Protein backbone atom coordinates (compact mmCIF):
# COMPACT_ATOMS: atom_id res chain seq x y z
CA UNK A 1 9.45 -16.48 8.04
CA UNK A 2 10.63 -13.06 7.47
CA UNK A 3 9.22 -9.90 9.48
CA UNK A 4 7.86 -6.65 7.07
CA UNK A 5 6.46 -3.53 7.82
CA UNK A 6 4.33 -2.28 5.18
CA UNK A 7 4.08 1.58 5.39
CA UNK A 8 1.56 3.65 3.35
CA UNK A 9 1.98 6.75 2.25
CA UNK A 10 0.92 10.44 0.37
CA UNK A 11 3.03 11.74 -1.76
CA UNK A 12 1.60 15.03 -1.71
CA UNK A 13 1.96 14.71 2.28
CA UNK A 14 5.62 14.62 2.50
CA UNK A 15 8.34 12.85 0.85
CA UNK A 16 7.81 8.72 0.55
CA UNK A 17 9.70 6.80 4.64
CA UNK A 18 13.19 4.92 3.97
CA UNK A 19 11.73 1.07 2.80
CA UNK A 20 13.70 -1.48 0.43
CA UNK A 21 11.30 -1.14 -1.81
CA UNK A 22 8.61 1.46 -2.59
CA UNK A 23 5.47 1.20 -5.15
CA UNK A 24 4.11 4.32 -6.58
CA UNK A 25 0.75 3.83 -6.68
CA UNK A 26 0.15 7.13 -8.59
CA UNK A 27 -0.07 7.12 -12.49
CA UNK A 28 -1.62 3.40 -12.99
CA UNK A 29 -4.30 2.75 -10.60
CA UNK A 30 -7.80 4.00 -10.56
CA UNK A 31 -8.01 6.93 -8.33
CA UNK A 32 -11.54 7.46 -5.91
CA UNK A 33 -10.29 10.25 -5.28
CA UNK A 34 -11.70 11.09 -8.86
CA UNK A 35 -15.15 9.92 -7.57
CA UNK A 36 -17.50 12.80 -5.42
CA UNK A 37 -18.94 9.83 -3.87
CA UNK A 38 -15.81 7.94 -2.90
CA UNK A 39 -13.67 11.06 -1.79
CA UNK A 40 -13.60 11.33 1.28
CA UNK A 41 -13.97 8.21 2.59
CA UNK A 42 -11.02 6.52 3.40
CA UNK A 43 -9.48 2.76 2.66
CA UNK A 44 -11.52 1.85 6.24
CA UNK A 45 -14.49 1.83 3.72
CA UNK A 46 -15.46 -0.97 1.64
CA UNK A 47 -16.50 1.37 -1.17
CA UNK A 48 -13.20 2.44 -1.50
CA UNK A 49 -11.67 -0.80 -1.50
CA UNK A 50 -13.61 -2.11 -3.62
CA UNK A 51 -12.74 0.25 -6.46
CA UNK A 52 -9.50 -0.22 -5.80
CA UNK A 53 -8.70 -4.10 -5.18
CA UNK A 54 -10.91 -4.23 -8.72
CA UNK A 55 -8.53 -1.85 -10.67
CA UNK A 56 -6.72 -3.40 -13.44
CA UNK A 57 -3.32 -4.91 -12.47
CA UNK A 58 -3.52 -4.28 -8.97
CA UNK A 59 -3.42 -8.54 -7.83
CA UNK A 60 -1.13 -8.75 -9.83
CA UNK A 61 0.90 -5.82 -7.96
CA UNK A 62 0.22 -7.21 -5.16
CA UNK A 63 1.70 -10.92 -6.19
CA UNK A 64 4.64 -9.74 -7.91
CA UNK A 65 5.24 -7.26 -4.49
CA UNK A 66 4.86 -10.31 -2.06
CA UNK A 67 7.53 -12.06 -4.76
CA UNK A 68 9.86 -9.35 -4.09
CA UNK A 69 9.71 -9.31 -0.17
CA UNK A 70 10.32 -13.08 -0.36
CA UNK A 71 13.78 -12.38 -2.36
CA UNK A 72 15.25 -9.20 -0.17
CA UNK A 73 14.19 -11.60 3.21
CA UNK A 74 16.26 -13.99 1.62
CA UNK A 75 19.18 -12.20 1.53
CA UNK A 76 22.58 -12.30 3.65
CA UNK A 77 21.43 -9.42 5.79
CA UNK A 78 18.11 -10.28 6.08
CA UNK A 79 16.10 -8.62 8.52
CA UNK A 80 12.75 -7.32 8.93
CA UNK A 81 11.68 -5.45 4.97
CA UNK A 82 10.10 -2.53 4.50
CA UNK A 83 7.62 -2.00 2.09
CA UNK A 84 6.54 1.97 1.59
CA UNK A 85 3.36 1.91 -0.83
CA UNK A 86 2.45 5.16 -1.87
CA UNK A 87 -0.42 7.27 -4.02
CA UNK A 88 -1.37 10.47 -3.89
CA UNK A 89 -2.76 11.11 -0.75
CA UNK A 90 -2.56 8.09 1.07
CA UNK A 91 -5.71 7.74 2.01
CA UNK A 92 -6.83 5.40 -1.00
CA UNK A 93 -4.84 3.37 -3.34
CA UNK A 94 -2.16 2.78 -0.84
CA UNK A 95 -3.85 1.98 2.63
CA UNK A 96 -5.82 -0.79 0.76
CA UNK A 97 -2.78 -2.20 -1.66
CA UNK A 98 -1.08 -2.36 1.55
CA UNK A 99 -4.04 -4.07 3.53
CA UNK A 100 -3.40 -6.48 0.40
CA UNK A 101 0.09 -7.10 0.71
CA UNK A 102 -0.10 -7.64 4.20
CA UNK A 103 -2.87 -10.52 4.07
CA UNK A 104 -1.16 -12.24 1.08
CA UNK A 105 2.21 -12.31 3.25
CA UNK A 106 0.48 -13.23 6.40
CA UNK A 107 -1.38 -15.37 4.50
CA UNK A 108 2.15 -17.40 3.70
CA UNK A 109 3.11 -17.26 7.48
CA UNK A 110 5.28 -13.81 7.23
CA UNK A 111 4.77 -11.30 10.73
CA UNK A 112 3.92 -8.39 9.39
CA UNK A 113 2.85 -5.24 10.15
CA UNK A 114 0.67 -1.94 9.09
CA UNK A 115 0.87 1.11 9.31
CA UNK A 116 -0.57 4.50 7.39
CA UNK A 117 1.01 7.58 8.04
CA UNK A 118 -1.65 10.02 5.89
CA UNK A 119 -4.68 7.77 6.05
CA UNK A 120 -6.59 10.11 9.02
CA UNK A 121 -5.30 13.57 7.31
CA UNK A 122 -7.36 15.76 5.30
CA UNK A 123 -8.68 15.58 1.73
CA UNK A 124 -6.34 17.06 -0.29
CA UNK A 125 -7.65 19.58 -3.23
CA UNK A 126 -6.00 18.85 -6.40
């Protein structure tokens, strides 16, 4: 099975990391930042995870991304497949998506690592 590296990040902090697949979550999925009660929480908090995972389309995107990872891993130069997923600040949507994707791929037998480049950075005021 493939080795998969998943990196979550925030576009407002720096450029996306190098990856085979880059998933942009900024414009299509509910941003917990807009809710004052969730703004200063992170994906480590259940209310944030529930808000993100309750957004229409997010589960389908996790499945589609998992399918794409399998396709990359099946290629002739298969090695580690890197997925970068980003949202605005890297504290809510991206790390929640990263964990959901990791759970999905791990359940299918893939060796998965997850890192969060910007999870611990301050909330971006916008």
